Amino acid sequence: MPKNIRLRTSRVLRGLTQLELADLIGIREIEISRYETGRAKPDPETKRRIAEILEKPTYELFND
């Protein structure tokens, strides 16, 4: 799976660490790392919550 550069870039531009984003969503920090490195894909609800927090449309953050 390819790395998700858009997710990482959007998170950094919002000034959030992986831990801070994970806390806002209610998941573990390692999950954010896995999403960013392409080792895992978030479920639709998690995608929606990430997009909401990062103030981006879901399609801009995730390819699928």
N, C-alpha and C. Protein backbone atom coordinates (compact mmCIF):
# COMPACT_ATOMS: atom_id res chain seq x y z
N MET A 1 0.84 -1.18 0.00
CA MET A 1 0.00 0.00 0.00
C MET A 1 0.89 1.25 0.00
N PRO A 2 0.57 2.25 -0.80
CA PRO A 2 1.39 3.47 -0.82
C PRO A 2 1.18 4.33 0.42
N LYS A 3 2.17 5.15 0.69
CA LYS A 3 2.07 6.08 1.81
C LYS A 3 0.99 7.12 1.52
N ASN A 4 0.36 7.61 2.59
CA ASN A 4 -0.66 8.63 2.44
C ASN A 4 -0.04 9.99 2.80
N ILE A 5 0.62 10.58 1.83
CA ILE A 5 1.29 11.87 2.03
C ILE A 5 0.28 12.98 2.29
N ARG A 6 -0.87 12.91 1.63
CA ARG A 6 -1.88 13.97 1.82
C ARG A 6 -2.41 13.99 3.25
N LEU A 7 -2.60 12.82 3.83
CA LEU A 7 -3.07 12.77 5.21
C LEU A 7 -2.02 13.36 6.14
N ARG A 8 -0.78 12.94 5.99
CA ARG A 8 0.29 13.44 6.86
C ARG A 8 0.46 14.95 6.69
N THR A 9 0.49 15.42 5.46
CA THR A 9 0.68 16.85 5.19
C THR A 9 -0.46 17.67 5.80
N SER A 10 -1.68 17.21 5.62
CA SER A 10 -2.84 17.93 6.17
C SER A 10 -2.78 17.98 7.69
N ARG A 11 -2.38 16.89 8.30
CA ARG A 11 -2.26 16.85 9.77
C ARG A 11 -1.21 17.84 10.25
N VAL A 12 -0.04 17.82 9.61
CA VAL A 12 1.05 18.71 10.00
C VAL A 12 0.66 20.18 9.80
N LEU A 13 0.01 20.47 8.69
CA LEU A 13 -0.41 21.85 8.42
C LEU A 13 -1.43 22.36 9.44
N ARG A 14 -2.19 21.45 10.02
CA ARG A 14 -3.15 21.83 11.07
C ARG A 14 -2.45 21.93 12.43
N GLY A 15 -1.15 21.60 12.47
CA GLY A 15 -0.39 21.72 13.70
C GLY A 15 -0.66 20.60 14.69
N LEU A 16 -1.05 19.44 14.19
CA LEU A 16 -1.37 18.32 15.07
C LEU A 16 -0.32 17.22 14.98
N THR A 17 0.00 16.64 16.11
CA THR A 17 0.84 15.44 16.11
C THR A 17 -0.07 14.24 15.84
N GLN A 18 0.55 13.10 15.59
CA GLN A 18 -0.24 11.88 15.41
C GLN A 18 -1.04 11.59 16.68
N LEU A 19 -0.43 11.79 17.82
CA LEU A 19 -1.11 11.54 19.09
C LEU A 19 -2.31 12.47 19.27
N GLU A 20 -2.12 13.74 18.96
CA GLU A 20 -3.23 14.70 19.11
C GLU A 20 -4.40 14.35 18.20
N LEU A 21 -4.09 14.00 16.96
CA LEU A 21 -5.16 13.62 16.03
C LEU A 21 -5.86 12.36 16.51
N ALA A 22 -5.08 11.40 16.94
CA ALA A 22 -5.66 10.15 17.45
C ALA A 22 -6.58 10.41 18.64
N ASP A 23 -6.15 11.27 19.56
CA ASP A 23 -6.96 11.59 20.73
C ASP A 23 -8.27 12.25 20.33
N LEU A 24 -8.23 13.14 19.34
CA LEU A 24 -9.45 13.81 18.88
C LEU A 24 -10.44 12.84 18.25
N ILE A 25 -9.91 11.79 17.64
CA ILE A 25 -10.75 10.80 16.97
C ILE A 25 -11.19 9.69 17.92
N GLY A 26 -10.36 9.44 18.93
CA GLY A 26 -10.67 8.37 19.87
C GLY A 26 -10.06 7.04 19.46
N ILE A 27 -8.90 7.11 18.80
CA ILE A 27 -8.19 5.89 18.42
C ILE A 27 -6.76 5.98 18.95
N ARG A 28 -6.00 4.90 18.75
CA ARG A 28 -4.62 4.89 19.22
C ARG A 28 -3.70 5.59 18.22
N GLU A 29 -2.65 6.18 18.73
CA GLU A 29 -1.67 6.89 17.89
C GLU A 29 -1.10 5.99 16.80
N ILE A 30 -0.87 4.72 17.11
CA ILE A 30 -0.28 3.80 16.13
C ILE A 30 -1.18 3.66 14.90
N GLU A 31 -2.48 3.81 15.08
CA GLU A 31 -3.39 3.71 13.93
C GLU A 31 -3.16 4.86 12.96
N ILE A 32 -2.94 6.06 13.45
CA ILE A 32 -2.65 7.19 12.57
C ILE A 32 -1.36 6.91 11.81
N SER A 33 -0.36 6.41 12.50
CA SER A 33 0.89 6.05 11.85
C SER A 33 0.65 5.03 10.75
N ARG A 34 -0.15 4.03 11.03
CA ARG A 34 -0.44 2.99 10.03
C ARG A 34 -1.17 3.56 8.82
N TYR A 35 -2.09 4.49 9.05
CA TYR A 35 -2.81 5.12 7.93
C TYR A 35 -1.85 5.93 7.07
N GLU A 36 -0.96 6.67 7.73
CA GLU A 36 -0.02 7.54 7.00
C GLU A 36 1.03 6.74 6.23
N THR A 37 1.42 5.60 6.75
CA THR A 37 2.44 4.80 6.08
C THR A 37 1.85 3.78 5.11
N GLY A 38 0.53 3.70 5.07
CA GLY A 38 -0.12 2.79 4.15
C GLY A 38 -0.21 1.35 4.63
N ARG A 39 0.09 1.12 5.89
CA ARG A 39 0.01 -0.24 6.43
C ARG A 39 -1.40 -0.63 6.82
N ALA A 40 -2.31 0.34 6.90
CA ALA A 40 -3.70 0.07 7.24
C ALA A 40 -4.58 1.14 6.59
N LYS A 41 -5.85 0.80 6.43
CA LYS A 41 -6.83 1.75 5.90
C LYS A 41 -7.89 1.99 6.97
N PRO A 42 -8.26 3.24 7.18
CA PRO A 42 -9.31 3.51 8.16
C PRO A 42 -10.68 3.09 7.62
N ASP A 43 -11.58 2.76 8.53
CA ASP A 43 -12.94 2.45 8.12
C ASP A 43 -13.65 3.74 7.71
N PRO A 44 -14.79 3.67 7.04
CA PRO A 44 -15.46 4.88 6.55
C PRO A 44 -15.75 5.92 7.63
N GLU A 45 -16.17 5.48 8.82
CA GLU A 45 -16.47 6.44 9.88
C GLU A 45 -15.20 7.14 10.36
N THR A 46 -14.11 6.42 10.47
CA THR A 46 -12.85 7.03 10.88
C THR A 46 -12.37 8.01 9.82
N LYS A 47 -12.52 7.66 8.56
CA LYS A 47 -12.17 8.58 7.47
C LYS A 47 -12.96 9.88 7.60
N ARG A 48 -14.25 9.74 7.87
CA ARG A 48 -15.11 10.92 7.99
C ARG A 48 -14.65 11.80 9.15
N ARG A 49 -14.32 11.18 10.29
CA ARG A 49 -13.90 11.95 11.45
C ARG A 49 -12.56 12.63 11.23
N ILE A 50 -11.63 11.93 10.58
CA ILE A 50 -10.33 12.53 10.27
C ILE A 50 -10.52 13.74 9.35
N ALA A 51 -11.31 13.57 8.31
CA ALA A 51 -11.56 14.65 7.35
C ALA A 51 -12.20 15.85 8.04
N GLU A 52 -13.13 15.59 8.93
CA GLU A 52 -13.80 16.67 9.66
C GLU A 52 -12.81 17.46 10.51
N ILE A 53 -11.96 16.76 11.24
CA ILE A 53 -10.97 17.41 12.11
C ILE A 53 -9.96 18.20 11.28
N LEU A 54 -9.54 17.63 10.16
CA LEU A 54 -8.54 18.30 9.32
C LEU A 54 -9.15 19.31 8.36
N GLU A 55 -10.48 19.41 8.40
CA GLU A 55 -11.22 20.37 7.57
C GLU A 55 -10.91 20.19 6.09
N LYS A 56 -10.97 18.94 5.66
CA LYS A 56 -10.74 18.58 4.26
C LYS A 56 -11.82 17.60 3.84
N PRO A 57 -12.19 17.60 2.56
CA PRO A 57 -13.10 16.56 2.08
C PRO A 57 -12.40 15.20 2.16
N THR A 58 -13.16 14.18 2.44
CA THR A 58 -12.60 12.83 2.55
C THR A 58 -11.83 12.44 1.30
N TYR A 59 -12.37 12.77 0.13
CA TYR A 59 -11.72 12.36 -1.12
C TYR A 59 -10.34 13.00 -1.30
N GLU A 60 -10.08 14.13 -0.64
CA GLU A 60 -8.75 14.75 -0.74
C GLU A 60 -7.71 14.03 0.12
N LEU A 61 -8.18 13.31 1.13
CA LEU A 61 -7.25 12.65 2.05
C LEU A 61 -7.04 11.18 1.74
N PHE A 62 -8.04 10.55 1.13
CA PHE A 62 -7.98 9.11 0.92
C PHE A 62 -8.29 8.77 -0.54
N ASN A 63 -7.51 7.86 -1.12
CA ASN A 63 -7.64 7.50 -2.52
C ASN A 63 -8.82 6.61 -2.83
N ASP A 64 -9.24 5.81 -1.87
CA ASP A 64 -10.26 4.81 -2.15
C ASP A 64 -11.66 5.23 -1.84
